[in-house]
Amino acid sequence: MAEDDRRAYERHIACFPAHVEVPENEHTQIALIRNVSVEGALLLTRSVYPVGKELALKLFLSGDSSVDPHDATATVVRSGHRDVERADLWPYDAAVTFGKPLENLEDEIMQLAKRQSGMFGKL
């Protein structure tokens, strides 16, 4: 691992939906997780979330709507506009760290990344 890489856990390319809840906002918004590790994720969003903002997430890792999502708390550590050529439905992104590492989901995250890699090739 490079000296300047602060990640303690492997980041996996895996795309799946998440609900984003901001405590002072009554509306739940949807986001697309672009990559994830047990300690954080990159969310593609339709709203800007400022650095330091606390979020409550529901992670739909299984792709099966009959399975309850996994709950996580997260803090925005980086946020910005995506390139116009890539923005499509998701004009913003937000890098988040989870309040507590999701170590209990590591196998599920790895399996999802493996399945998606087999379907789509290297994303």
Protein backbone atom coordinates (compact mmCIF):
# COMPACT_ATOMS: atom_id res chain seq x y z
CA MET A 1 0.00 0.00 0.00
CA ALA A 2 1.35 3.44 -0.89
CA GLU A 3 2.35 5.69 2.00
CA ASP A 4 -0.23 8.32 1.08
CA ASP A 5 -3.08 5.78 0.74
CA ARG A 6 -4.91 6.00 4.07
CA ARG A 7 -7.37 3.21 3.33
CA ALA A 8 -7.10 0.29 5.71
CA TYR A 9 -9.55 -1.86 3.73
CA GLU A 10 -9.74 -2.81 0.07
CA ARG A 11 -12.05 -0.70 -2.07
CA HIS A 12 -14.33 -2.69 -4.41
CA ILE A 13 -15.94 -1.50 -7.62
CA ALA A 14 -19.58 -2.37 -7.07
CA CYS A 15 -22.68 -0.45 -8.13
CA PHE A 16 -25.87 -0.65 -6.10
CA PRO A 17 -28.59 1.71 -4.84
CA ALA A 18 -28.73 3.40 -1.46
CA HIS A 19 -31.20 5.64 0.31
CA VAL A 20 -29.73 8.79 1.83
CA GLU A 21 -31.39 10.40 4.82
CA VAL A 22 -30.20 13.73 6.19
CA PRO A 23 -31.34 14.14 9.81
CA GLU A 24 -32.83 17.64 9.40
CA ASN A 25 -34.46 16.82 6.03
CA GLU A 26 -37.75 14.94 5.83
CA HIS A 27 -37.05 13.51 2.37
CA THR A 28 -35.18 10.34 1.58
CA GLN A 29 -33.06 10.61 -1.54
CA ILE A 30 -31.62 7.89 -3.69
CA ALA A 31 -27.95 7.53 -4.55
CA LEU A 32 -25.87 5.07 -6.50
CA ILE A 33 -22.88 3.55 -4.74
CA ARG A 34 -20.00 3.49 -7.24
CA ASN A 35 -17.36 1.85 -5.09
CA VAL A 36 -17.29 0.67 -1.52
CA SER A 37 -15.12 -0.72 1.24
CA VAL A 38 -16.06 -1.63 4.78
CA GLU A 39 -14.93 1.84 5.91
CA GLY A 40 -16.42 4.10 3.21
CA ALA A 41 -17.97 4.56 -0.20
CA LEU A 42 -18.30 6.87 -3.18
CA LEU A 43 -21.91 7.92 -3.75
CA LEU A 44 -23.23 9.34 -7.01
CA THR A 45 -26.01 11.73 -6.06
CA ARG A 46 -28.53 14.25 -7.33
CA SER A 47 -27.88 16.62 -4.40
CA VAL A 48 -24.78 18.28 -3.00
CA TYR A 49 -23.80 17.15 0.48
CA PRO A 50 -21.29 19.43 2.20
CA VAL A 51 -18.12 18.06 3.78
CA GLY A 52 -18.80 17.14 7.39
CA LYS A 53 -22.49 16.40 6.82
CA GLU A 54 -23.77 13.36 8.72
CA LEU A 55 -25.90 10.96 6.66
CA ALA A 56 -27.95 7.89 7.45
CA LEU A 57 -27.71 5.32 4.63
CA LYS A 58 -29.67 2.25 3.68
CA LEU A 59 -27.48 0.03 1.51
CA PHE A 60 -29.22 -2.33 -0.92
CA LEU A 61 -26.31 -4.73 -1.46
CA SER A 62 -28.31 -7.80 -2.44
CA GLY A 63 -30.23 -6.36 -5.39
CA ASP A 64 -33.28 -8.19 -4.02
CA SER A 65 -36.05 -5.81 -2.93
CA SER A 66 -37.47 -8.44 -0.57
CA VAL A 67 -34.25 -8.34 1.52
CA ASP A 68 -33.97 -5.58 4.10
CA PRO A 69 -31.22 -3.03 3.38
CA HIS A 70 -28.21 -2.59 5.66
CA ASP A 71 -28.18 0.57 7.78
CA ALA A 72 -25.05 2.69 8.09
CA THR A 73 -24.15 6.13 9.34
CA ALA A 74 -21.63 8.12 7.33
CA THR A 75 -19.83 11.45 7.22
CA VAL A 76 -19.10 13.28 3.96
CA VAL A 77 -15.34 13.76 3.53
CA ARG A 78 -15.33 15.01 -0.08
CA SER A 79 -18.09 16.32 -2.33
CA GLY A 80 -18.31 17.89 -5.75
CA HIS A 81 -19.69 18.17 -9.25
CA ARG A 82 -19.00 15.35 -11.68
CA ASP A 83 -17.67 16.01 -15.18
CA VAL A 84 -20.47 17.11 -17.52
CA GLU A 85 -19.72 14.21 -19.90
CA ARG A 86 -20.29 11.70 -17.08
CA ALA A 87 -22.91 13.47 -14.97
CA ASP A 88 -26.07 11.99 -16.60
CA LEU A 89 -28.60 11.39 -13.78
CA TRP A 90 -25.96 11.80 -11.07
CA PRO A 91 -24.44 15.31 -11.32
CA TYR A 92 -22.65 15.14 -7.93
CA ASP A 93 -20.55 12.73 -5.96
CA ALA A 94 -19.80 12.39 -2.28
CA ALA A 95 -17.06 10.34 -0.66
CA VAL A 96 -18.12 9.16 2.79
CA THR A 97 -16.60 7.32 5.70
CA PHE A 98 -18.82 5.06 7.73
CA GLY A 99 -19.27 5.85 11.41
CA LYS A 100 -18.28 2.28 12.18
CA PRO A 101 -16.53 -0.06 9.69
CA LEU A 102 -19.00 -2.49 8.14
CA GLU A 103 -16.74 -5.49 8.72
CA ASN A 104 -19.78 -7.78 8.99
CA LEU A 105 -20.57 -6.93 5.32
CA GLU A 106 -17.10 -7.49 3.87
CA ASP A 107 -17.92 -10.91 2.37
CA GLU A 108 -21.20 -9.61 0.90
CA ILE A 109 -19.42 -6.60 -0.63
CA MET A 110 -16.70 -8.82 -2.14
CA GLN A 111 -19.29 -11.23 -3.58
CA LEU A 112 -21.25 -8.37 -5.16
CA ALA A 113 -18.09 -6.90 -6.71
CA LYS A 114 -17.14 -10.34 -8.05
CA ARG A 115 -20.62 -10.94 -9.55
CA GLN A 116 -20.67 -7.52 -11.20
CA SER A 117 -17.14 -7.94 -12.54
CA GLY A 118 -18.23 -11.20 -14.15
CA MET A 119 -21.28 -9.52 -15.74
CA PHE A 120 -19.72 -6.26 -16.88
CA GLY A 121 -15.98 -6.88 -16.95
CA LYS A 122 -13.72 -4.37 -15.30
CA LEU A 123 -15.72 -1.17 -14.66
